[in-house]
Protein backbone atom coordinates (compact mmCIF):
# COMPACT_ATOMS: atom_id res chain seq x y z
CA UNK A 1 142.97 136.20 139.57
CA UNK A 2 139.63 134.42 139.41
CA UNK A 3 139.46 130.72 139.79
CA UNK A 4 137.27 128.53 137.64
CA UNK A 5 135.04 126.24 139.65
CA UNK A 6 133.38 123.25 138.07
CA UNK A 7 130.35 121.90 139.81
CA UNK A 8 129.95 118.13 139.63
CA UNK A 9 127.07 116.96 137.50
CA UNK A 10 124.63 114.71 139.35
CA UNK A 11 124.75 111.14 138.25
CA UNK A 12 121.82 109.77 136.30
CA UNK A 13 119.77 107.34 138.34
CA UNK A 14 120.42 103.73 137.53
CA UNK A 15 117.70 102.01 135.62
CA UNK A 16 117.01 98.82 137.47
CA UNK A 17 113.91 96.90 138.40
CA UNK A 18 112.50 99.94 140.18
CA UNK A 19 113.16 102.11 137.12
CA UNK A 20 111.37 99.66 134.87
CA UNK A 21 108.44 99.60 137.25
CA UNK A 22 108.33 103.40 137.16
CA UNK A 23 108.34 103.44 133.36
CA UNK A 24 105.73 100.77 132.93
CA UNK A 25 102.75 102.87 134.07
CA UNK A 26 103.78 105.56 131.54
CA UNK A 27 103.44 103.04 128.74
CA UNK A 28 100.03 101.91 129.95
CA UNK A 29 99.04 105.46 130.76
CA UNK A 30 99.25 106.43 127.10
CA UNK A 31 96.23 104.27 126.30
CA UNK A 32 93.19 106.53 125.90
CA UNK A 33 90.13 105.76 128.00
CA UNK A 34 88.15 104.73 124.92
CA UNK A 35 90.79 102.13 124.05
CA UNK A 36 90.67 100.69 127.57
CA UNK A 37 86.88 100.62 127.37
CA UNK A 38 87.13 98.86 123.99
CA UNK A 39 89.43 96.16 125.39
CA UNK A 40 87.10 95.65 128.36
CA UNK A 41 84.15 95.38 125.97
CA UNK A 42 85.87 92.77 123.79
CA UNK A 43 86.89 90.71 126.81
CA UNK A 44 83.37 90.92 128.22
CA UNK A 45 81.85 89.97 124.85
CA UNK A 46 84.18 86.99 124.67
CA UNK A 47 83.05 85.83 128.12
CA UNK A 48 79.41 86.29 127.08
CA UNK A 49 80.03 84.17 123.97
CA UNK A 50 81.74 81.41 125.99
CA UNK A 51 79.05 81.23 128.67
CA UNK A 52 76.09 81.90 126.36
CA UNK A 53 74.11 78.91 127.64
CA UNK A 54 74.26 80.23 131.20
CA UNK A 55 73.62 83.90 130.32
CA UNK A 56 70.93 83.73 127.62
CA UNK A 57 67.40 83.86 129.09
CA UNK A 58 66.01 81.34 126.58
CA UNK A 59 66.87 79.04 123.69
CA UNK A 60 67.64 81.14 120.58
CA UNK A 61 66.10 78.55 118.24
CA UNK A 62 62.89 77.81 120.17
CA UNK A 63 60.06 80.30 119.75
CA UNK A 64 57.07 81.15 121.91
CA UNK A 65 54.04 81.54 119.67
CA UNK A 66 52.25 83.45 122.40
CA UNK A 67 54.94 86.18 122.25
CA UNK A 68 55.29 86.80 118.52
CA UNK A 69 56.55 90.27 117.48
CA UNK A 70 56.46 91.68 120.99
CA UNK A 71 58.15 94.99 121.70
CA UNK A 72 60.95 95.22 124.30
CA UNK A 73 59.58 94.64 127.79
CA UNK A 74 60.62 93.20 131.14
CA UNK A 75 59.86 89.69 129.89
CA UNK A 76 61.88 90.20 126.71
CA UNK A 77 64.39 93.03 127.08
CA UNK A 78 65.00 93.30 123.33
CA UNK A 79 61.65 92.02 122.11
CA UNK A 80 60.85 88.96 120.01
CA UNK A 81 60.88 88.20 116.28
CA UNK A 82 58.31 86.69 113.91
CA UNK A 83 58.81 83.24 115.40
CA UNK A 84 58.52 84.36 119.03
CA UNK A 85 62.23 83.90 119.63
CA UNK A 86 63.92 86.15 122.17
CA UNK A 87 66.12 88.72 120.39
CA UNK A 88 68.50 89.12 123.35
CA UNK A 89 69.20 85.37 123.41
CA UNK A 90 69.85 85.35 119.67
CA UNK A 91 72.25 88.28 119.97
CA UNK A 92 74.13 86.55 122.80
CA UNK A 93 74.52 83.34 120.78
CA UNK A 94 75.25 85.43 117.68
CA UNK A 95 78.27 86.86 119.49
CA UNK A 96 79.68 83.33 119.65
CA UNK A 97 79.29 82.90 115.89
CA UNK A 98 80.67 86.34 115.00
CA UNK A 99 83.69 86.10 117.31
CA UNK A 100 84.50 82.52 116.36
CA UNK A 101 84.33 83.33 112.65
CA UNK A 102 86.32 86.53 113.18
CA UNK A 103 89.10 85.04 115.31
CA UNK A 104 89.49 81.80 113.37
CA UNK A 105 89.45 83.40 109.93
CA UNK A 106 91.83 86.19 110.97
CA UNK A 107 94.19 83.75 112.69
CA UNK A 108 94.32 81.43 109.66
CA UNK A 109 94.53 84.19 107.05
CA UNK A 110 97.09 86.33 108.87
CA UNK A 111 99.28 83.37 109.79
CA UNK A 112 99.35 82.38 106.12
CA UNK A 113 100.16 85.98 105.28
CA UNK A 114 102.95 85.96 107.89
CA UNK A 115 104.59 82.86 106.41
CA UNK A 116 104.08 84.07 102.85
CA UNK A 117 105.44 87.54 103.59
CA UNK A 118 108.53 86.17 105.34
CA UNK A 119 109.28 83.78 102.47
CA UNK A 120 108.61 86.35 99.77
CA UNK A 121 110.68 89.07 101.40
CA UNK A 122 113.63 86.87 102.30
CA UNK A 123 113.88 84.72 99.16
CA UNK A 124 113.20 87.53 96.70
CA UNK A 125 113.88 87.06 93.01
CA UNK A 126 111.32 85.34 90.81
CA UNK A 127 109.47 83.91 93.78
CA UNK A 128 108.89 87.39 95.16
CA UNK A 129 107.90 88.71 91.73
CA UNK A 130 105.38 85.92 91.15
CA UNK A 131 103.98 86.31 94.67
CA UNK A 132 103.41 90.03 94.20
CA UNK A 133 101.58 89.51 90.90
CA UNK A 134 99.30 86.95 92.54
CA UNK A 135 98.64 89.28 95.48
CA UNK A 136 97.79 92.08 93.09
CA UNK A 137 95.19 89.86 91.46
CA UNK A 138 93.63 89.08 94.85
CA UNK A 139 93.74 92.73 95.93
CA UNK A 140 91.95 93.79 92.75
CA UNK A 141 88.75 92.22 94.11
CA UNK A 142 86.92 93.88 97.01
CA UNK A 143 86.77 91.74 100.14
CA UNK A 144 83.02 91.21 99.90
CA UNK A 145 83.17 90.22 96.22
CA UNK A 146 86.09 87.85 96.80
CA UNK A 147 84.35 86.27 99.79
CA UNK A 148 81.14 85.91 97.78
CA UNK A 149 83.01 84.11 95.00
CA UNK A 150 84.48 81.59 97.42
CA UNK A 151 81.14 81.06 99.18
CA UNK A 152 79.42 80.36 95.86
CA UNK A 153 82.12 77.85 94.91
CA UNK A 154 82.42 76.15 98.33
CA UNK A 155 78.77 76.39 99.36
CA UNK A 156 77.19 77.94 102.47
CA UNK A 157 78.31 76.81 105.90
CA UNK A 158 80.25 77.97 108.94
CA UNK A 159 83.49 76.25 107.93
CA UNK A 160 83.44 77.51 104.36
CA UNK A 161 82.63 81.01 105.64
CA UNK A 162 85.80 80.96 107.77
CA UNK A 163 87.85 79.81 104.78
CA UNK A 164 86.38 82.49 102.50
CA UNK A 165 87.08 85.31 104.98
CA UNK A 166 90.56 83.93 105.72
CA UNK A 167 91.44 84.13 102.01
CA UNK A 168 90.46 87.80 101.94
CA UNK A 169 92.84 88.55 104.84
CA UNK A 170 95.95 86.97 103.30
CA UNK A 171 97.00 89.67 100.76
CA UNK A 172 97.10 92.64 103.16
CA UNK A 173 98.97 90.69 105.84
CA UNK A 174 101.48 89.39 103.28
CA UNK A 175 102.21 92.88 101.97
CA UNK A 176 102.90 94.32 105.45
CA UNK A 177 105.07 91.41 106.62
CA UNK A 178 107.00 91.43 103.34
CA UNK A 179 107.81 95.14 103.74
CA UNK A 180 109.07 94.53 107.29
CA UNK A 181 111.15 91.57 106.13
CA UNK A 182 112.77 93.60 103.33
CA UNK A 183 113.79 96.31 105.80
CA UNK A 184 115.15 93.78 108.32
CA UNK A 185 117.10 91.24 106.27
CA UNK A 186 119.85 93.74 105.35
CA UNK A 187 120.65 94.75 108.92
CA UNK A 188 124.05 94.11 110.46
CA UNK A 189 123.01 91.40 112.89
CA UNK A 190 121.34 89.43 110.08
CA UNK A 191 124.51 89.70 108.00
CA UNK A 192 126.52 88.54 111.02
CA UNK A 193 124.30 85.51 111.48
CA UNK A 194 124.66 84.70 107.79
CA UNK A 195 128.45 85.10 108.02
CA UNK A 196 128.80 82.60 110.89
CA UNK A 197 126.95 79.97 108.85
CA UNK A 198 123.36 80.21 110.16
CA UNK A 199 120.83 78.52 107.89
CA UNK A 200 118.15 80.60 106.14
CA UNK A 201 115.43 78.99 108.25
CA UNK A 202 117.25 79.88 111.46
CA UNK A 203 117.83 83.46 110.27
CA UNK A 204 114.16 83.90 109.41
CA UNK A 205 112.85 82.30 112.61
CA UNK A 206 115.33 83.73 115.12
CA UNK A 207 116.24 87.14 113.68
CA UNK A 208 113.60 88.36 111.19
CA UNK A 209 110.29 86.94 112.45
CA UNK A 210 110.54 88.59 115.92
CA UNK A 211 110.82 91.99 114.22
CA UNK A 212 107.55 91.28 112.40
CA UNK A 213 105.63 90.52 115.60
CA UNK A 214 104.54 94.10 116.34
CA UNK A 215 103.10 94.86 112.87
CA UNK A 216 101.55 91.38 112.78
CA UNK A 217 99.61 91.99 116.02
CA UNK A 218 98.40 95.34 114.71
CA UNK A 219 97.23 93.70 111.47
CA UNK A 220 95.38 91.00 113.42
CA UNK A 221 93.53 93.54 115.56
CA UNK A 222 92.61 95.62 112.52
CA UNK A 223 91.42 92.62 110.51
CA UNK A 224 89.16 91.38 113.32
CA UNK A 225 86.62 94.14 112.75
CA UNK A 226 86.76 93.65 108.99
CA UNK A 227 86.15 89.90 109.37
CA UNK A 228 83.11 90.47 111.61
CA UNK A 229 81.68 92.96 109.11
CA UNK A 230 82.30 90.58 106.20
CA UNK A 231 80.60 87.72 108.03
CA UNK A 232 77.56 89.87 108.76
CA UNK A 233 77.41 91.07 105.14
CA UNK A 234 77.68 87.56 103.67
CA UNK A 235 75.04 86.26 106.09
CA UNK A 236 72.82 89.22 105.21
CA UNK A 237 73.10 88.28 101.53
CA UNK A 238 72.07 84.72 102.35
CA UNK A 239 75.37 83.02 101.44
CA UNK A 240 76.99 83.04 104.89
CA UNK A 241 75.76 81.26 108.00
CA UNK A 242 72.57 79.42 107.03
CA UNK A 243 69.41 80.29 108.98
CA UNK A 244 67.99 79.78 111.54
CA UNK A 245 71.45 80.11 113.13
CA UNK A 246 71.47 83.15 115.45
CA UNK A 247 73.93 85.21 113.45
CA UNK A 248 73.75 89.00 113.53
CA UNK A 249 73.75 89.14 109.73
CA UNK A 250 70.98 86.52 109.53
CA UNK A 251 68.90 88.58 111.95
CA UNK A 252 69.27 91.68 109.78
CA UNK A 253 68.43 89.68 106.67
CA UNK A 254 65.19 88.55 108.30
CA UNK A 255 64.22 92.17 108.92
CA UNK A 256 64.85 93.18 105.30
CA UNK A 257 62.44 90.52 104.03
CA UNK A 258 59.54 91.67 106.21
CA UNK A 259 56.67 93.68 104.78
CA UNK A 260 56.22 95.60 108.04
CA UNK A 261 59.65 95.53 109.76
CA UNK A 262 59.95 96.07 113.49
CA UNK A 263 62.52 98.60 114.71
CA UNK A 264 63.98 96.46 117.48
CA UNK A 265 64.78 93.63 115.08
CA UNK A 266 67.11 95.97 113.15
CA UNK A 267 68.43 98.28 115.87
CA UNK A 268 69.80 95.75 118.36
CA UNK A 269 71.68 93.47 115.90
CA UNK A 270 72.98 96.58 114.13
CA UNK A 271 74.22 98.02 117.43
CA UNK A 272 75.92 94.72 118.25
CA UNK A 273 77.83 94.76 114.94
CA UNK A 274 78.68 98.46 115.20
CA UNK A 275 79.96 98.40 118.77
CA UNK A 276 82.01 95.23 118.24
CA UNK A 277 83.71 96.55 115.09
CA UNK A 278 84.31 99.93 116.74
CA UNK A 279 85.85 98.27 119.81
CA UNK A 280 88.12 96.14 117.62
CA UNK A 281 89.31 99.20 115.69
CA UNK A 282 89.94 101.23 118.85
CA UNK A 283 91.86 98.35 120.42
CA UNK A 284 93.92 97.99 117.24
CA UNK A 285 94.80 101.70 117.19
CA UNK A 286 95.87 101.58 120.84
CA UNK A 287 97.96 98.48 120.22
CA UNK A 288 99.66 100.19 117.28
CA UNK A 289 100.52 103.20 119.44
CA UNK A 290 101.92 101.02 122.21
CA UNK A 291 104.07 98.94 119.87
CA UNK A 292 105.38 101.85 117.80
CA UNK A 293 108.86 102.70 119.17
CA UNK A 294 108.72 106.22 117.70
CA UNK A 295 105.83 107.12 120.01
CA UNK A 296 107.56 105.96 123.22
């Protein structure tokens, strides 16, 4: 008569501090090299914008009339423009304008969209219906057209440019946060908090808003590149940052008005805009992959 032997199953290793430390590199290891390079580029560009006075070789607004329209050389690595101003210095100071406009406008617009989306999704009813109709009106205009309308009404300037771009960021952020709120407010823990007498403000702040943090960060990273592009486009059209401010869009606008344009006046500002927007998009995609629980 054969006997049945049961081999003991090995116990699963306990997940403690060491287990969390072993899992953490896997999460960071899923970031592609291009995403890591994009984050390093954005951090480096931010440091360049902060310390522009110490890094730039010359004043971006003061020209040298002995070096007008010079090609790139050892004295001027990216050449000079029609006023003898160093192109590299103007690009360095232009990074400060582009990043400040991008970060401030995205922060203001997306925070308004966060509050609006939370209120619209949680309150519902007529308030939600009226909010969605208003958002549909705003979304019917392209971002550049909507920003142009606000710039014409408010007038050119750095502050009004931030406000105009911030308004264009509100509808998309509101839609995404509203969708997350609608899927969260009917969960069991929200119903339990409502049953024990928690106020609506406490429920929204403590239980619903944390669930919207991951999509909100992804929206912010995605909108940063759009804001930089919109600022350059509005400045190129002459209704953004007023010249002679060293904005990348202003530099491109100066090239378009020349009878005999110089290649370095268009290539280097265009590369600055392209690489910054590309880095912002790559960083946003990597952040979305890291925060998506289905990909872990």
